[in-house]
Amino acid sequence: MDIVGFLKSQFICHLLICYIFIVSGLIINFIQLFTLILWPINKQLFRRINCRLAYCISSQMVMLLEWWSGTDCTLYTDPESYHKYGKENAIVILNHNFEIDFLCGWNFCERFGVLGSSKVLAKKELSYMPVIGWMWYFLEIVFCKRKWEEDRKTVVQKLLNLRDYPENFWFLIHCEGTRFTEQKHQISMQVAEAKGLPKLKYHLLPRTKGFAVTVQCLRNVVSAVYDSTLNFRNNENPTLLGVLNGKKYHADLYVRQDVPEDEQECSTWLHKLYQEKDAFQEEYYRTGTYPAVPIIPPRRPWTLLNWLFWALLLLYPLFKLLINMINSGSSLTLASFAFVIVIASVGVRWMIGVTEINKGSAYGNNDNKQKQK
């Protein structure tokens, strides 16, 4: 292992990265709180400012993938569609098979300049999480409780509010509703058999109600639906911890553009789409490639420059404080600092654990709760 790789694997580096992310994120959350005074005065200015503030947070995660890990991201798509990416509003359908698929989705957004304004359909619990959850609140992210009877009115209203959004945005959605596991797949295929639907080998059945409502509410502002299928070469099993350790992965993302012709047929269209995604997945496992032109979108420097700015701003006072504590010679002070480090370590591991598949949501595991949306 070279010296750079060795340093990337050291816990102290991970702790410093997380310190920069958490402290800068809380500072930005605090600034976002004050932008609320703009909402009744100039809603569009509020939105534009919060897109840029949100970018300061989410781009740090993308920086880890692009610059720290050095992960290669190859896009397979139609060259004619490629030139439209980032220049139009779109709904982006993502498969949900990997621990860092959300991060690859953000990377896709970053390469085409829509990371700061990107939207998601997220579970309500995430809105209470500091930094990212609070950032999403100010981005008008659509949160749901995963109980459609309770969610429908709120989701529709939130989506309709986006119809006059001043920035180009991509609405990222995992139609499967939860990350793929063998247990969830088995249950999902039992539902498919009961409903007379074709079984899928590599995906869960899509939950169609949320997707249909999203298409209906954004019909006049969204130009296309981008179907995205993500895979990693050489049977790599990427994790956020691996990214933090500087491990390089090789991601292949197949993107094709389409639009459901009939709002009433969204359910049928989506099921057919996932059958096609399954066939693409089968082909990828067999040949190691997708049926489209490979393109590597240029990596932009802004994620790295943003992280360097916050690192310079926040590391100096940290090191100065540490030196003063050591010079004080106080056992109590040093013990307190050590305690903070332990707490921070536990906190960092907890945040990473949120993305781990084996600690993911139990949503979809219970057969009685398998009411396909």
Protein backbone atom coordinates (compact mmCIF):
# COMPACT_ATOMS: atom_id res chain seq x y z
CA MET A 1 0.00 0.00 0.00
CA ASP A 2 1.37 3.46 -0.94
CA ILE A 3 1.63 6.28 1.59
CA VAL A 4 -1.49 8.03 0.27
CA GLY A 5 -3.54 4.84 0.50
CA PHE A 6 -2.21 4.22 3.99
CA LEU A 7 -3.22 7.73 5.14
CA LYS A 8 -6.70 7.34 3.64
CA SER A 9 -7.25 4.20 5.70
CA GLN A 10 -6.34 5.85 9.02
CA PHE A 11 -9.13 6.54 11.49
CA ILE A 12 -7.79 9.99 12.39
CA CYS A 13 -8.32 11.07 8.77
CA HIS A 14 -11.85 9.71 8.84
CA LEU A 15 -12.51 11.59 12.07
CA LEU A 16 -11.27 14.87 10.59
CA ILE A 17 -13.38 14.41 7.46
CA CYS A 18 -16.47 13.73 9.56
CA TYR A 19 -15.65 16.69 11.84
CA ILE A 20 -15.55 19.01 8.81
CA PHE A 21 -18.78 17.55 7.43
CA ILE A 22 -20.76 17.72 10.69
CA VAL A 23 -19.55 21.15 11.87
CA SER A 24 -19.87 22.78 8.45
CA GLY A 25 -23.27 21.13 8.04
CA LEU A 26 -24.53 22.51 11.34
CA ILE A 27 -23.24 25.97 10.44
CA ILE A 28 -25.08 25.79 7.12
CA ASN A 29 -28.25 24.50 8.84
CA PHE A 30 -28.04 27.53 11.15
CA ILE A 31 -27.71 29.88 8.15
CA GLN A 32 -30.64 28.13 6.47
CA LEU A 33 -32.75 28.83 9.53
CA PHE A 34 -32.26 32.55 9.01
CA THR A 35 -33.22 32.31 5.34
CA LEU A 36 -36.79 31.56 6.46
CA ILE A 37 -37.37 35.32 6.76
CA LEU A 38 -37.07 35.48 2.96
CA TRP A 39 -39.91 33.02 2.30
CA PRO A 40 -42.81 35.48 2.68
CA ILE A 41 -40.83 38.26 0.99
CA ASN A 42 -39.18 36.51 -1.97
CA LYS A 43 -39.79 32.76 -2.15
CA GLN A 44 -37.68 32.26 -5.26
CA LEU A 45 -34.66 33.99 -3.71
CA PHE A 46 -35.09 31.73 -0.65
CA ARG A 47 -35.00 28.71 -2.94
CA ARG A 48 -31.96 29.83 -4.93
CA ILE A 49 -29.97 30.55 -1.76
CA ASN A 50 -30.88 27.21 -0.22
CA CYS A 51 -29.87 25.34 -3.37
CA ARG A 52 -26.37 26.75 -2.96
CA LEU A 53 -26.26 26.14 0.77
CA ALA A 54 -27.42 22.56 0.25
CA TYR A 55 -24.69 22.08 -2.33
CA CYS A 56 -22.10 22.98 0.32
CA ILE A 57 -23.27 19.93 2.31
CA SER A 58 -24.11 17.29 -0.30
CA SER A 59 -21.03 18.06 -2.41
CA GLN A 60 -18.81 16.97 0.50
CA MET A 61 -20.27 13.47 0.21
CA VAL A 62 -19.72 13.49 -3.55
CA MET A 63 -16.14 14.70 -2.98
CA LEU A 64 -15.45 11.52 -1.00
CA LEU A 65 -16.57 9.39 -3.93
CA GLU A 66 -14.93 11.41 -6.70
CA TRP A 67 -11.70 12.71 -5.19
CA TRP A 68 -10.99 10.79 -1.98
CA SER A 69 -12.01 7.35 -3.22
CA GLY A 70 -11.28 8.12 -6.86
CA THR A 71 -14.19 5.94 -7.96
CA ASP A 72 -14.61 5.77 -11.74
CA CYS A 73 -18.12 6.51 -13.00
CA THR A 74 -18.94 5.52 -16.58
CA LEU A 75 -22.28 6.58 -18.05
CA TYR A 76 -23.93 4.46 -20.74
CA THR A 77 -26.54 6.43 -22.62
CA ASP A 78 -27.78 7.78 -25.94
CA PRO A 79 -25.44 10.62 -27.05
CA GLU A 80 -28.44 12.70 -28.15
CA SER A 81 -30.02 12.46 -24.69
CA TYR A 82 -26.66 13.16 -23.03
CA HIS A 83 -26.66 16.77 -24.22
CA LYS A 84 -30.01 17.40 -22.50
CA TYR A 85 -28.88 16.22 -19.05
CA GLY A 86 -28.87 19.08 -16.55
CA LYS A 87 -30.76 21.38 -18.89
CA GLU A 88 -34.24 20.11 -18.09
CA ASN A 89 -36.28 18.99 -15.11
CA ALA A 90 -36.52 15.22 -14.87
CA ILE A 91 -37.66 12.33 -12.70
CA VAL A 92 -34.77 9.89 -12.20
CA ILE A 93 -35.62 6.26 -11.36
CA LEU A 94 -32.77 4.55 -9.48
CA ASN A 95 -32.36 0.89 -8.57
CA HIS A 96 -31.78 0.26 -4.88
CA ASN A 97 -29.23 -2.56 -4.62
CA PHE A 98 -26.09 -1.04 -3.13
CA GLU A 99 -25.15 0.81 0.04
CA ILE A 100 -23.86 3.79 -1.91
CA ASP A 101 -26.42 3.92 -4.72
CA PHE A 102 -27.73 7.20 -3.28
CA LEU A 103 -24.19 8.61 -3.47
CA CYS A 104 -23.83 7.53 -7.10
CA GLY A 105 -27.16 9.23 -7.80
CA TRP A 106 -25.77 12.43 -6.28
CA ASN A 107 -22.62 12.01 -8.35
CA PHE A 108 -24.80 11.78 -11.46
CA CYS A 109 -26.50 15.03 -10.41
CA GLU A 110 -23.16 16.75 -9.72
CA ARG A 111 -21.69 15.92 -13.12
CA PHE A 112 -24.60 17.78 -14.75
CA GLY A 113 -24.88 20.71 -12.32
CA VAL A 114 -28.14 19.88 -10.52
CA LEU A 115 -26.84 18.50 -7.22
CA GLY A 116 -27.84 21.50 -5.12
CA SER A 117 -31.43 21.46 -6.38
CA SER A 118 -31.92 17.67 -6.54
CA LYS A 119 -35.03 16.31 -4.81
CA VAL A 120 -35.93 12.94 -3.31
CA LEU A 121 -38.91 11.12 -1.86
CA ALA A 122 -37.62 10.33 1.64
CA LYS A 123 -38.98 8.68 4.77
CA LYS A 124 -40.21 11.10 7.43
CA GLU A 125 -37.67 9.96 10.05
CA LEU A 126 -34.82 11.45 7.99
CA SER A 127 -36.24 14.97 8.38
CA TYR A 128 -35.17 14.90 12.04
CA MET A 129 -31.55 13.99 11.26
CA PRO A 130 -29.13 16.93 11.69
CA VAL A 131 -27.20 18.19 8.67
CA ILE A 132 -28.70 16.20 5.75
CA GLY A 133 -32.24 15.84 7.09
CA TRP A 134 -32.43 19.51 8.09
CA MET A 135 -30.85 20.52 4.76
CA TRP A 136 -33.58 18.61 2.96
CA TYR A 137 -36.26 20.44 4.91
CA PHE A 138 -35.12 23.75 3.44
CA LEU A 139 -34.91 22.18 -0.02
CA GLU A 140 -38.63 21.32 0.21
CA ILE A 141 -37.91 17.60 0.02
CA VAL A 142 -41.00 15.37 -0.05
CA PHE A 143 -41.11 13.35 3.19
CA CYS A 144 -43.54 10.48 3.72
CA LYS A 145 -44.49 8.04 6.49
CA ARG A 146 -44.84 5.11 4.06
CA LYS A 147 -48.54 4.86 4.87
CA TRP A 148 -50.24 5.90 1.66
CA GLU A 149 -53.56 6.81 3.25
CA GLU A 150 -51.75 9.34 5.44
CA ASP A 151 -49.14 10.35 2.89
CA ARG A 152 -51.16 11.04 -0.22
CA LYS A 153 -52.43 14.53 0.61
CA THR A 154 -49.06 15.71 1.95
CA VAL A 155 -47.08 14.24 -0.95
CA VAL A 156 -49.38 15.77 -3.55
CA GLN A 157 -49.17 19.21 -1.94
CA LYS A 158 -45.37 19.07 -1.67
CA LEU A 159 -45.04 18.01 -5.29
CA LEU A 160 -47.39 20.72 -6.54
CA ASN A 161 -45.29 23.30 -4.67
CA LEU A 162 -42.34 22.37 -6.91
CA ARG A 163 -44.11 23.38 -10.10
CA ASP A 164 -42.74 26.92 -9.93
CA TYR A 165 -39.25 25.97 -8.73
CA PRO A 166 -36.73 28.47 -10.18
CA GLU A 167 -33.82 26.01 -10.69
CA ASN A 168 -33.57 22.97 -12.94
CA PHE A 169 -34.00 19.94 -10.68
CA TRP A 170 -33.94 16.16 -10.82
CA PHE A 171 -36.39 14.25 -8.66
CA LEU A 172 -34.62 11.04 -7.57
CA ILE A 173 -36.90 8.16 -6.70
CA HIS A 174 -36.33 4.53 -5.65
CA CYS A 175 -39.57 2.96 -6.83
CA GLU A 176 -38.84 -0.28 -4.98
CA GLY A 177 -39.32 1.67 -1.75
CA THR A 178 -36.54 -0.12 0.13
CA ARG A 179 -33.08 -1.55 -0.55
CA PHE A 180 -32.83 -5.01 -2.11
CA THR A 181 -32.13 -7.98 0.18
CA GLU A 182 -32.74 -11.66 -0.46
CA GLN A 183 -35.44 -11.77 2.24
CA LYS A 184 -37.29 -8.77 0.82
CA HIS A 185 -36.93 -10.15 -2.70
CA GLN A 186 -38.49 -13.46 -1.70
CA ILE A 187 -41.47 -11.71 -0.13
CA SER A 188 -41.81 -9.33 -3.09
CA MET A 189 -41.91 -12.22 -5.55
CA GLN A 190 -44.61 -13.93 -3.48
CA VAL A 191 -46.66 -10.75 -3.98
CA ALA A 192 -45.87 -10.81 -7.71
CA GLU A 193 -47.14 -14.39 -7.95
CA ALA A 194 -50.30 -13.52 -6.02
CA LYS A 195 -51.00 -10.55 -8.33
CA GLY A 196 -50.14 -12.40 -11.52
CA LEU A 197 -47.17 -10.16 -12.29
CA PRO A 198 -43.95 -11.37 -13.95
CA LYS A 199 -41.26 -12.17 -11.41
CA LEU A 200 -38.02 -10.19 -11.25
CA LYS A 201 -34.60 -11.68 -10.53
CA TYR A 202 -32.61 -8.59 -9.52
CA HIS A 203 -35.20 -6.07 -8.32
CA LEU A 204 -38.15 -5.81 -5.97
CA LEU A 205 -41.56 -5.04 -7.39
CA PRO A 206 -41.92 -1.28 -7.92
CA ARG A 207 -44.45 0.56 -5.77
CA THR A 208 -46.48 2.37 -8.37
CA LYS A 209 -48.72 4.79 -6.47
CA GLY A 210 -45.99 7.18 -5.38
CA PHE A 211 -44.46 7.18 -8.87
CA ALA A 212 -47.82 7.78 -10.57
CA VAL A 213 -48.62 10.71 -8.29
CA THR A 214 -45.14 12.18 -8.86
CA VAL A 215 -45.59 12.01 -12.65
CA GLN A 216 -49.09 13.49 -12.46
CA CYS A 217 -48.12 16.39 -10.21
CA LEU A 218 -44.96 17.27 -12.13
CA ARG A 219 -46.32 16.54 -15.60
CA ASN A 220 -46.14 20.17 -16.79
CA VAL A 221 -42.66 20.90 -15.40
CA VAL A 222 -40.76 17.64 -15.95
CA SER A 223 -39.55 16.99 -19.49
CA ALA A 224 -38.56 13.35 -19.15
CA VAL A 225 -38.13 10.31 -16.96
CA TYR A 226 -34.55 8.99 -16.76
CA ASP A 227 -34.44 5.27 -16.03
CA SER A 228 -31.09 4.56 -14.36
CA THR A 229 -29.59 1.14 -13.66
CA LEU A 230 -26.42 1.05 -11.55
CA ASN A 231 -23.86 -1.75 -11.35
CA PHE A 232 -20.25 -2.16 -10.24
CA ARG A 233 -17.60 -4.03 -12.16
CA ASN A 234 -15.89 -7.22 -11.05
CA ASN A 235 -18.70 -8.04 -8.58
CA GLU A 236 -17.59 -5.17 -6.34
CA ASN A 237 -19.72 -4.66 -3.24
CA PRO A 238 -19.20 -0.95 -2.45
CA THR A 239 -19.83 0.49 1.00
CA LEU A 240 -19.64 3.96 2.48
CA LEU A 241 -16.97 2.69 4.87
CA GLY A 242 -14.97 1.51 1.86
CA VAL A 243 -15.28 4.95 0.26
CA LEU A 244 -14.15 6.56 3.51
CA ASN A 245 -11.13 4.20 3.52
CA GLY A 246 -10.24 5.50 0.06
CA LYS A 247 -11.15 2.29 -1.75
CA LYS A 248 -11.64 2.81 -5.47
CA TYR A 249 -14.71 1.33 -7.15
CA HIS A 250 -15.80 1.17 -10.79
CA ALA A 251 -19.40 2.20 -11.30
CA ASP A 252 -21.37 1.74 -14.53
CA LEU A 253 -24.64 3.64 -14.87
CA TYR A 254 -27.05 2.94 -17.71
CA VAL A 255 -29.46 5.82 -18.36
CA ARG A 256 -32.25 5.94 -20.92
CA GLN A 257 -34.89 8.61 -21.42
CA ASP A 258 -38.61 7.96 -21.58
CA VAL A 259 -41.97 9.47 -20.62
CA PRO A 260 -45.17 7.56 -19.71
CA GLU A 261 -47.66 8.44 -22.43
CA ASP A 262 -50.76 8.04 -20.30
CA GLU A 263 -50.98 9.06 -16.64
CA GLN A 264 -53.57 6.34 -16.05
CA GLU A 265 -51.18 3.68 -17.36
CA CYS A 266 -48.26 4.59 -15.07
CA SER A 267 -48.59 1.37 -13.12
CA THR A 268 -48.40 -0.88 -16.20
CA TRP A 269 -45.60 1.27 -17.67
CA LEU A 270 -43.53 1.05 -14.48
CA HIS A 271 -43.91 -2.74 -14.15
CA LYS A 272 -42.82 -3.12 -17.79
CA LEU A 273 -39.88 -0.79 -17.10
CA TYR A 274 -38.67 -2.97 -14.23
CA GLN A 275 -38.93 -6.09 -16.36
CA GLU A 276 -36.65 -4.35 -18.85
CA LYS A 277 -34.30 -3.26 -16.04
CA ASP A 278 -34.09 -6.89 -14.98
CA ALA A 279 -33.11 -7.87 -18.53
CA PHE A 280 -30.44 -5.15 -18.62
CA GLN A 281 -29.11 -6.43 -15.30
CA GLU A 282 -28.97 -9.97 -16.68
CA GLU A 283 -27.10 -8.72 -19.73
CA TYR A 284 -24.63 -6.77 -17.60
CA TYR A 285 -23.82 -9.80 -15.45
CA ARG A 286 -23.26 -11.84 -18.62
CA THR A 287 -21.23 -9.35 -20.69
CA GLY A 288 -20.03 -6.70 -18.23
CA THR A 289 -21.47 -3.86 -20.30
CA TYR A 290 -24.71 -2.08 -21.23
CA PRO A 291 -26.30 -1.68 -24.70
CA ALA A 292 -25.35 1.99 -25.11
CA VAL A 293 -22.39 4.28 -25.77
CA PRO A 294 -20.01 4.61 -22.78
CA ILE A 295 -19.34 8.23 -21.81
CA ILE A 296 -17.33 9.56 -18.88
CA PRO A 297 -18.84 12.94 -17.90
CA PRO A 298 -16.11 15.41 -16.91
CA ARG A 299 -15.45 15.70 -13.19
CA ARG A 300 -16.05 19.24 -11.94
CA PRO A 301 -13.67 20.85 -9.40
CA TRP A 302 -16.35 22.47 -7.21
CA THR A 303 -16.84 19.56 -4.82
CA LEU A 304 -13.14 19.53 -3.98
CA LEU A 305 -12.87 23.33 -3.74
CA ASN A 306 -15.89 23.48 -1.43
CA TRP A 307 -14.39 20.82 0.86
CA LEU A 308 -10.99 22.56 0.93
CA PHE A 309 -12.67 25.82 1.91
CA TRP A 310 -14.41 24.24 4.90
CA ALA A 311 -11.28 22.27 5.83
CA LEU A 312 -9.16 25.43 5.97
CA LEU A 313 -11.86 27.27 7.87
CA LEU A 314 -12.48 24.60 10.52
CA LEU A 315 -9.22 22.70 11.02
CA TYR A 316 -7.17 25.69 12.16
CA PRO A 317 -9.30 26.44 15.26
CA LEU A 318 -9.44 22.71 16.03
CA PHE A 319 -5.66 22.29 15.99
CA LYS A 320 -5.20 25.52 17.93
CA LEU A 321 -7.60 24.29 20.59
CA LEU A 322 -5.81 20.92 20.75
CA ILE A 323 -2.40 22.59 21.20
CA ASN A 324 -3.74 24.82 23.97
CA MET A 325 -5.24 21.80 25.73
CA ILE A 326 -1.95 19.90 25.56
CA ASN A 327 0.00 22.92 26.81
CA SER A 328 -2.39 23.34 29.74
CA GLY A 329 -1.28 19.98 31.15
CA SER A 330 -4.66 19.52 32.81
CA SER A 331 -5.60 15.85 33.20
CA LEU A 332 -9.29 16.75 33.34
CA THR A 333 -9.06 18.74 30.11
CA LEU A 334 -7.26 15.94 28.29
CA ALA A 335 -9.70 13.35 29.63
CA SER A 336 -12.61 15.50 28.45
CA PHE A 337 -11.05 15.78 25.00
CA ALA A 338 -10.54 12.00 24.86
CA PHE A 339 -14.19 11.51 25.86
CA VAL A 340 -15.32 13.80 23.03
CA ILE A 341 -13.18 11.79 20.57
CA VAL A 342 -14.83 8.55 21.72
CA ILE A 343 -18.31 10.04 21.37
CA ALA A 344 -17.41 11.40 17.94
CA SER A 345 -16.11 7.97 16.91
CA VAL A 346 -19.35 6.32 17.95
CA GLY A 347 -21.32 9.01 16.13
CA VAL A 348 -19.33 8.54 12.93
CA ARG A 349 -19.83 4.77 13.03
CA TRP A 350 -23.55 5.25 13.61
CA MET A 351 -23.88 7.57 10.61
CA ILE A 352 -22.05 5.05 8.41
CA GLY A 353 -24.24 2.27 9.80
CA VAL A 354 -27.37 4.04 8.52
CA THR A 355 -26.30 3.16 4.95
CA GLU A 356 -25.47 -0.50 5.62
CA ILE A 357 -27.79 -3.00 4.00
CA ASN A 358 -27.91 -5.34 7.00
CA LYS A 359 -29.02 -2.42 9.17
CA GLY A 360 -31.43 -0.94 6.68
CA SER A 361 -35.15 -0.44 6.92
CA ALA A 362 -37.35 -3.42 7.76
CA TYR A 363 -39.88 -1.92 5.36
CA GLY A 364 -40.92 -4.68 2.99
CA ASN A 365 -39.91 -7.59 5.21
CA ASN A 366 -43.35 -8.22 6.67
CA ASP A 367 -45.66 -10.08 4.35
CA ASN A 368 -48.67 -8.36 5.85
CA LYS A 369 -47.24 -5.01 4.92
CA GLN A 370 -46.58 -5.87 1.29
CA LYS A 371 -49.25 -3.68 -0.22
CA GLN A 372 -47.55 -2.65 -3.44
CA LYS A 373 -47.87 1.05 -4.10
